[in-house]
C-alpha atoms as a PDB file:
ATOM      1  CA  MET A   1     -18.872   1.549  -1.687  1.00  0.00           C
ATOM      2  CA  GLY A   2     -17.092   3.448   1.088  1.00  0.00           C
ATOM      3  CA  GLN A   3     -17.261   0.405   3.352  1.00  0.00           C
ATOM      4  CA  VAL A   4     -15.648  -1.813   0.709  1.00  0.00           C
ATOM      5  CA  GLY A   5     -12.685   0.558   0.418  1.00  0.00           C
ATOM      6  CA  LYS A   6     -12.383   0.828   4.178  1.00  0.00           C
ATOM      7  CA  TRP A   7     -12.348  -2.939   4.676  1.00  0.00           C
ATOM      8  CA  ALA A   8      -9.968  -3.421   1.733  1.00  0.00           C
ATOM      9  CA  PHE A   9      -7.541  -1.029   3.429  1.00  0.00           C
ATOM     10  CA  ILE A  10      -7.802  -2.751   6.804  1.00  0.00           C
ATOM     11  CA  GLY A  11      -7.574  -6.185   5.185  1.00  0.00           C
ATOM     12  CA  GLY A  12      -4.540  -5.185   3.149  1.00  0.00           C
ATOM     13  CA  ILE A  13      -2.654  -3.893   6.189  1.00  0.00           C
ATOM     14  CA  VAL A  14      -3.506  -6.972   8.280  1.00  0.00           C
ATOM     15  CA  LEU A  15      -2.700  -9.365   5.438  1.00  0.00           C
ATOM     16  CA  ALA A  16       0.618  -7.638   4.742  1.00  0.00           C
ATOM     17  CA  VAL A  17       1.721  -8.034   8.361  1.00  0.00           C
ATOM     18  CA  VAL A  18       0.377 -11.560   8.915  1.00  0.00           C
ATOM     19  CA  ALA A  19       1.756 -12.855   5.599  1.00  0.00           C
ATOM     20  CA  ALA A  20       5.251 -11.755   6.582  1.00  0.00           C
ATOM     21  CA  PHE A  21       5.157 -14.199   9.491  1.00  0.00           C
ATOM     22  CA  VAL A  22       3.201 -17.018   7.851  1.00  0.00           C
ATOM     23  CA  THR A  23       3.980 -17.359   4.154  1.00  0.00           C
ATOM     24  CA  GLN A  24       6.352 -16.117   1.482  1.00  0.00           C
ATOM     25  CA  THR A  25       4.447 -17.267  -1.602  1.00  0.00           C
ATOM     26  CA  THR A  26       4.082 -15.108  -4.698  1.00  0.00           C
ATOM     27  CA  TRP A  27       0.285 -15.207  -4.744  1.00  0.00           C
ATOM     28  CA  ILE A  28       0.199 -13.006  -1.641  1.00  0.00           C
ATOM     29  CA  TYR A  29       1.632 -10.126  -3.674  1.00  0.00           C
ATOM     30  CA  TRP A  30      -1.195 -10.450  -6.186  1.00  0.00           C
ATOM     31  CA  VAL A  31      -3.805 -10.373  -3.431  1.00  0.00           C
ATOM     32  CA  LEU A  32      -2.136  -7.331  -1.854  1.00  0.00           C
ATOM     33  CA  ALA A  33      -1.962  -5.579  -5.232  1.00  0.00           C
ATOM     34  CA  VAL A  34      -5.661  -6.207  -5.933  1.00  0.00           C
ATOM     35  CA  LEU A  35      -6.588  -4.899  -2.478  1.00  0.00           C
ATOM     36  CA  GLY A  36      -4.400  -1.861  -3.171  1.00  0.00           C
ATOM     37  CA  LEU A  37      -6.256  -1.233  -6.423  1.00  0.00           C
ATOM     38  CA  VAL A  38      -9.573  -1.385  -4.581  1.00  0.00           C
ATOM     39  CA  VAL A  39      -8.274   1.093  -2.007  1.00  0.00           C
ATOM     40  CA  GLY A  40      -6.994   3.406  -4.728  1.00  0.00           C
ATOM     41  CA  PHE A  41     -10.319   3.416  -6.553  1.00  0.00           C
ATOM     42  CA  LEU A  42     -12.724   3.504  -3.617  1.00  0.00           C
ATOM     43  CA  ASN A  43     -11.055   4.783  -0.481  1.00  0.00           C
ATOM     44  CA  VAL A  44      -9.033   7.912  -1.301  1.00  0.00           C
ATOM     45  CA  THR A  45     -11.004  11.080  -1.997  1.00  0.00           C
ATOM     46  CA  ALA A  46      -9.740  14.115  -3.890  1.00  0.00           C
ATOM     47  CA  GLU A  47      -9.177  15.976  -0.623  1.00  0.00           C
ATOM     48  CA  GLU A  48      -7.029  13.129   0.731  1.00  0.00           C
ATOM     49  CA  THR A  49      -4.891  12.709  -2.378  1.00  0.00           C
ATOM     50  CA  LYS A  50      -1.907  14.874  -1.439  1.00  0.00           C
ATOM     51  CA  GLY A  51      -1.582  13.507   2.081  1.00  0.00           C
ATOM     52  CA  PHE A  52      -2.044   9.928   0.894  1.00  0.00           C
ATOM     53  CA  LEU A  53       0.566  10.230  -1.836  1.00  0.00           C
ATOM     54  CA  LEU A  54       3.064  11.919   0.458  1.00  0.00           C
ATOM     55  CA  SER A  55       2.715   9.354   3.228  1.00  0.00           C
ATOM     56  CA  ALA A  56       2.777   6.439   0.771  1.00  0.00           C
ATOM     57  CA  VAL A  57       5.968   7.705  -0.874  1.00  0.00           C
ATOM     58  CA  ALA A  58       7.554   8.078   2.577  1.00  0.00           C
ATOM     59  CA  LEU A  59       6.553   4.500   3.423  1.00  0.00           C
ATOM     60  CA  ILE A  60       7.895   3.147   0.149  1.00  0.00           C
ATOM     61  CA  LEU A  61      11.204   4.981   0.525  1.00  0.00           C
ATOM     62  CA  SER A  62      11.673   3.986   4.151  1.00  0.00           C
ATOM     63  CA  ALA A  63      11.039   0.308   3.389  1.00  0.00           C
ATOM     64  CA  SER A  64      14.595  -0.216   2.193  1.00  0.00           C
ATOM     65  CA  ALA A  65      16.157   1.584   5.159  1.00  0.00           C
ATOM     66  CA  VAL A  66      14.919  -0.822   7.831  1.00  0.00           C
ATOM     67  CA  GLN A  67      16.900  -3.845   6.698  1.00  0.00           C
ATOM     68  CA  GLY A  68      19.959  -2.583   8.554  1.00  0.00           C
ATOM     69  CA  ILE A  69      18.303  -2.949  11.969  1.00  0.00           C
ATOM     70  CA  PRO A  70      20.044  -5.775  13.878  1.00  0.00           C
ATOM     71  CA  LEU A  71      18.026  -8.857  14.894  1.00  0.00           C
ATOM     72  CA  VAL A  72      14.653  -7.670  13.547  1.00  0.00           C
ATOM     73  CA  GLY A  73      15.697  -6.150  10.244  1.00  0.00           C
ATOM     74  CA  GLU A  74      14.853  -9.170   8.128  1.00  0.00           C
ATOM     75  CA  MET A  75      11.320  -9.554   9.484  1.00  0.00           C
ATOM     76  CA  VAL A  76      10.622  -5.819   9.400  1.00  0.00           C
ATOM     77  CA  THR A  77      11.915  -5.727   5.823  1.00  0.00           C
ATOM     78  CA  THR A  78       9.502  -8.521   4.879  1.00  0.00           C
ATOM     79  CA  VAL A  79       6.575  -6.689   6.490  1.00  0.00           C
ATOM     80  CA  MET A  80       7.562  -3.447   4.762  1.00  0.00           C
ATOM     81  CA  GLY A  81       7.923  -5.265   1.429  1.00  0.00           C
ATOM     82  CA  ASN A  82       4.377  -6.563   1.776  1.00  0.00           C
ATOM     83  CA  LEU A  83       3.114  -3.100   2.708  1.00  0.00           C
ATOM     84  CA  VAL A  84       4.880  -1.649  -0.331  1.00  0.00           C
ATOM     85  CA  ALA A  85       3.226  -4.255  -2.577  1.00  0.00           C
ATOM     86  CA  PHE A  86      -0.134  -3.237  -1.133  1.00  0.00           C
ATOM     87  CA  MET A  87       0.399   0.529  -1.187  1.00  0.00           C
ATOM     88  CA  SER A  88       2.094   0.722  -4.598  1.00  0.00           C
ATOM     89  CA  ALA A  89      -1.068  -0.354  -6.398  1.00  0.00           C
ATOM     90  CA  ALA A  90      -3.121   2.193  -4.451  1.00  0.00           C
ATOM     91  CA  VAL A  91      -0.545   4.918  -5.143  1.00  0.00           C
ATOM     92  CA  LEU A  92      -0.639   4.139  -8.862  1.00  0.00           C
ATOM     93  CA  ILE A  93      -4.419   4.567  -9.019  1.00  0.00           C
ATOM     94  CA  VAL A  94      -4.515   7.692  -6.833  1.00  0.00           C
ATOM     95  CA  ALA A  95      -1.685   9.323  -8.793  1.00  0.00           C
ATOM     96  CA  LEU A  96      -3.408   8.577 -12.113  1.00  0.00           C
ATOM     97  CA  LYS A  97      -6.719   9.930 -10.808  1.00  0.00           C
ATOM     98  CA  SER A  98      -4.912  13.067  -9.670  1.00  0.00           C
ATOM     99  CA  LEU A  99      -3.200  13.509 -13.035  1.00  0.00           C
ATOM    100  CA  PHE A 100      -6.472  13.124 -14.922  1.00  0.00           C
ATOM    101  CA  GLU A 101      -8.154  15.604 -12.562  1.00  0.00           C
ATOM    102  CA  THR A 102      -5.338  18.100 -13.111  1.00  0.00           C
ATOM    103  CA  ALA A 103      -5.492  17.632 -16.882  1.00  0.00           C
ATOM    104  CA  LYS A 104      -9.241  18.358 -16.930  1.00  0.00           C
ATOM    105  CA  ASP A 105      -8.696  21.900 -15.610  1.00  0.00           C
END
């Protein structure tokens, strides 16, 4: 199962970047969200949880800041929006797993 999570992560990143240049359809967000769920369930271990959540929150917060960059801001904002759609689903699963793990103790 580790390979599935690894390839879901790589596929999600590549799809998020490529889709920003190719298409702006709504179905892409669903595909990115499903890949994010797979990553959240299969790819992030308990030891990686804190680092993953911290870096994902930083990515999500910085996504809105890039739109002010002249000339490339619109495209970078689209790429970041796709990455946020992908990572948000993974963050949701990892955060819930972490909460349940904390509640068990």
